Amino acid sequence: MKLNNMKNKKETYIYKIKVEKLDEGGFLAICMDVKDALAEGNTVEEAIENCQDVIKIILEHRKEKAKNKNNIFNSSRLFKQKSTILNIPVSV
């Protein structure tokens, strides 16, 4: 679920988090909506806060990766080989 925050122009999303009590002590928070987003904590609150941080890092990484992927002039991506073939739009 997406919420708009007009003050700092950032978007806020609501993610479902499952919290489990660990046998060895502490808690594990698992985000059901973001793959690989999970974190441990000594308390429920700490596990949730840690999971929030992990979600933020994953989403920022995905956003940056998508930006780099869409930039056809990213030479580090283009020229790992001797040549590169591109499909480019041309309007006439």
C-alpha atoms as a PDB file:
ATOM      1  CA  MET A   1       0.000   0.000   0.000  1.00  0.00           C
ATOM      2  CA  LYS A   2       1.393   3.421  -0.973  1.00  0.00           C
ATOM      3  CA  LEU A   3       1.070   6.600   1.098  1.00  0.00           C
ATOM      4  CA  ASN A   4       2.206  10.014  -0.107  1.00  0.00           C
ATOM      5  CA  ASN A   5       4.257  12.206   2.189  1.00  0.00           C
ATOM      6  CA  MET A   6       3.998  15.775   0.881  1.00  0.00           C
ATOM      7  CA  LYS A   7       6.450  17.249   3.407  1.00  0.00           C
ATOM      8  CA  ASN A   8       9.620  15.630   2.071  1.00  0.00           C
ATOM      9  CA  LYS A   9       8.152  14.381  -1.250  1.00  0.00           C
ATOM     10  CA  LYS A  10       9.011  10.772  -0.468  1.00  0.00           C
ATOM     11  CA  GLU A  11       6.609   7.940  -0.984  1.00  0.00           C
ATOM     12  CA  THR A  12       5.781   5.697   1.955  1.00  0.00           C
ATOM     13  CA  TYR A  13       4.718   2.107   1.431  1.00  0.00           C
ATOM     14  CA  ILE A  14       3.155  -0.320   3.883  1.00  0.00           C
ATOM     15  CA  TYR A  15       4.678  -3.804   3.946  1.00  0.00           C
ATOM     16  CA  LYS A  16       3.434  -6.876   5.789  1.00  0.00           C
ATOM     17  CA  ILE A  17       5.992  -8.206   8.285  1.00  0.00           C
ATOM     18  CA  LYS A  18       5.809 -11.568  10.055  1.00  0.00           C
ATOM     19  CA  VAL A  19       7.593 -11.747  13.424  1.00  0.00           C
ATOM     20  CA  GLU A  20       8.733 -15.083  14.853  1.00  0.00           C
ATOM     21  CA  LYS A  21      10.191 -15.844  18.264  1.00  0.00           C
ATOM     22  CA  LEU A  22      13.527 -17.652  17.891  1.00  0.00           C
ATOM     23  CA  ASP A  23      14.358 -20.739  19.969  1.00  0.00           C
ATOM     24  CA  GLU A  24      17.820 -19.369  20.748  1.00  0.00           C
ATOM     25  CA  GLY A  25      16.335 -16.055  21.912  1.00  0.00           C
ATOM     26  CA  GLY A  26      15.364 -12.897  20.129  1.00  0.00           C
ATOM     27  CA  PHE A  27      13.002 -12.386  17.241  1.00  0.00           C
ATOM     28  CA  LEU A  28      13.045 -12.673  13.464  1.00  0.00           C
ATOM     29  CA  ALA A  29      11.094 -10.214  11.285  1.00  0.00           C
ATOM     30  CA  ILE A  30      10.364 -11.342   7.720  1.00  0.00           C
ATOM     31  CA  CYS A  31       8.863  -9.050   5.101  1.00  0.00           C
ATOM     32  CA  MET A  32       6.286 -10.992   3.124  1.00  0.00           C
ATOM     33  CA  ASP A  33       6.355  -8.532   0.199  1.00  0.00           C
ATOM     34  CA  VAL A  34      10.094  -7.962  -0.399  1.00  0.00           C
ATOM     35  CA  LYS A  35      12.211 -10.993  -1.287  1.00  0.00           C
ATOM     36  CA  ASP A  36      15.163 -11.592   1.067  1.00  0.00           C
ATOM     37  CA  ALA A  37      14.053  -8.877   3.508  1.00  0.00           C
ATOM     38  CA  LEU A  38      14.465 -10.295   6.997  1.00  0.00           C
ATOM     39  CA  ALA A  39      16.232  -9.247  10.165  1.00  0.00           C
ATOM     40  CA  GLU A  40      16.786 -10.328  13.749  1.00  0.00           C
ATOM     41  CA  GLY A  41      16.547  -8.358  16.964  1.00  0.00           C
ATOM     42  CA  ASN A  42      16.650  -8.879  20.706  1.00  0.00           C
ATOM     43  CA  THR A  43      13.117  -7.454  20.967  1.00  0.00           C
ATOM     44  CA  VAL A  44      10.139  -7.405  18.608  1.00  0.00           C
ATOM     45  CA  GLU A  45      10.631  -3.671  18.103  1.00  0.00           C
ATOM     46  CA  GLU A  46      14.324  -4.078  17.271  1.00  0.00           C
ATOM     47  CA  ALA A  47      13.615  -6.880  14.790  1.00  0.00           C
ATOM     48  CA  ILE A  48      10.974  -4.734  13.056  1.00  0.00           C
ATOM     49  CA  GLU A  49      13.253  -1.666  12.933  1.00  0.00           C
ATOM     50  CA  ASN A  50      16.094  -3.781  11.553  1.00  0.00           C
ATOM     51  CA  CYS A  51      13.755  -5.254   8.944  1.00  0.00           C
ATOM     52  CA  GLN A  52      12.624  -1.742   7.960  1.00  0.00           C
ATOM     53  CA  ASP A  53      16.283  -0.833   7.384  1.00  0.00           C
ATOM     54  CA  VAL A  54      16.815  -3.966   5.277  1.00  0.00           C
ATOM     55  CA  ILE A  55      13.716  -3.221   3.177  1.00  0.00           C
ATOM     56  CA  LYS A  56      14.923   0.330   2.568  1.00  0.00           C
ATOM     57  CA  ILE A  57      18.388  -0.882   1.497  1.00  0.00           C
ATOM     58  CA  ILE A  58      16.913  -3.498  -0.859  1.00  0.00           C
ATOM     59  CA  LEU A  59      14.501  -1.013  -2.453  1.00  0.00           C
ATOM     60  CA  GLU A  60      17.207   1.644  -2.857  1.00  0.00           C
ATOM     61  CA  HIS A  61      19.483  -0.956  -4.456  1.00  0.00           C
ATOM     62  CA  ARG A  62      16.735  -2.058  -6.856  1.00  0.00           C
ATOM     63  CA  LYS A  63      15.981   1.549  -7.773  1.00  0.00           C
ATOM     64  CA  GLU A  64      19.651   2.293  -8.484  1.00  0.00           C
ATOM     65  CA  LYS A  65      20.055  -0.961 -10.423  1.00  0.00           C
ATOM     66  CA  ALA A  66      17.022  -0.111 -12.568  1.00  0.00           C
ATOM     67  CA  LYS A  67      18.366   3.385 -13.205  1.00  0.00           C
ATOM     68  CA  ASN A  68      21.740   1.993 -14.317  1.00  0.00           C
ATOM     69  CA  LYS A  69      20.102  -0.698 -16.423  1.00  0.00           C
ATOM     70  CA  ASN A  70      18.025   1.908 -18.265  1.00  0.00           C
ATOM     71  CA  ASN A  71      21.056   4.104 -18.949  1.00  0.00           C
ATOM     72  CA  ILE A  72      22.329   2.776 -22.294  1.00  0.00           C
ATOM     73  CA  PHE A  73      25.436   4.922 -22.013  1.00  0.00           C
ATOM     74  CA  ASN A  74      26.667   3.180 -18.875  1.00  0.00           C
ATOM     75  CA  SER A  75      30.053   2.209 -20.299  1.00  0.00           C
ATOM     76  CA  SER A  76      30.929  -0.189 -17.489  1.00  0.00           C
ATOM     77  CA  ARG A  77      27.892  -2.256 -18.450  1.00  0.00           C
ATOM     78  CA  LEU A  78      28.196  -1.833 -22.207  1.00  0.00           C
ATOM     79  CA  PHE A  79      31.815  -2.623 -22.802  1.00  0.00           C
ATOM     80  CA  LYS A  80      32.506  -5.720 -20.786  1.00  0.00           C
ATOM     81  CA  GLN A  81      32.958  -7.251 -24.223  1.00  0.00           C
ATOM     82  CA  LYS A  82      34.852  -5.979 -27.257  1.00  0.00           C
ATOM     83  CA  SER A  83      31.666  -4.740 -28.935  1.00  0.00           C
ATOM     84  CA  THR A  84      28.047  -4.107 -28.055  1.00  0.00           C
ATOM     85  CA  ILE A  85      24.882  -4.162 -30.142  1.00  0.00           C
ATOM     86  CA  LEU A  86      22.177  -1.648 -29.196  1.00  0.00           C
ATOM     87  CA  ASN A  87      18.582  -1.194 -30.257  1.00  0.00           C
ATOM     88  CA  ILE A  88      17.948   2.546 -30.392  1.00  0.00           C
ATOM     89  CA  PRO A  89      14.830   4.483 -31.331  1.00  0.00           C
ATOM     90  CA  VAL A  90      15.025   6.983 -34.212  1.00  0.00           C
ATOM     91  CA  SER A  91      12.138   9.273 -35.058  1.00  0.00           C
ATOM     92  CA  VAL A  92      11.709  10.631 -38.627  1.00  0.00           C
END
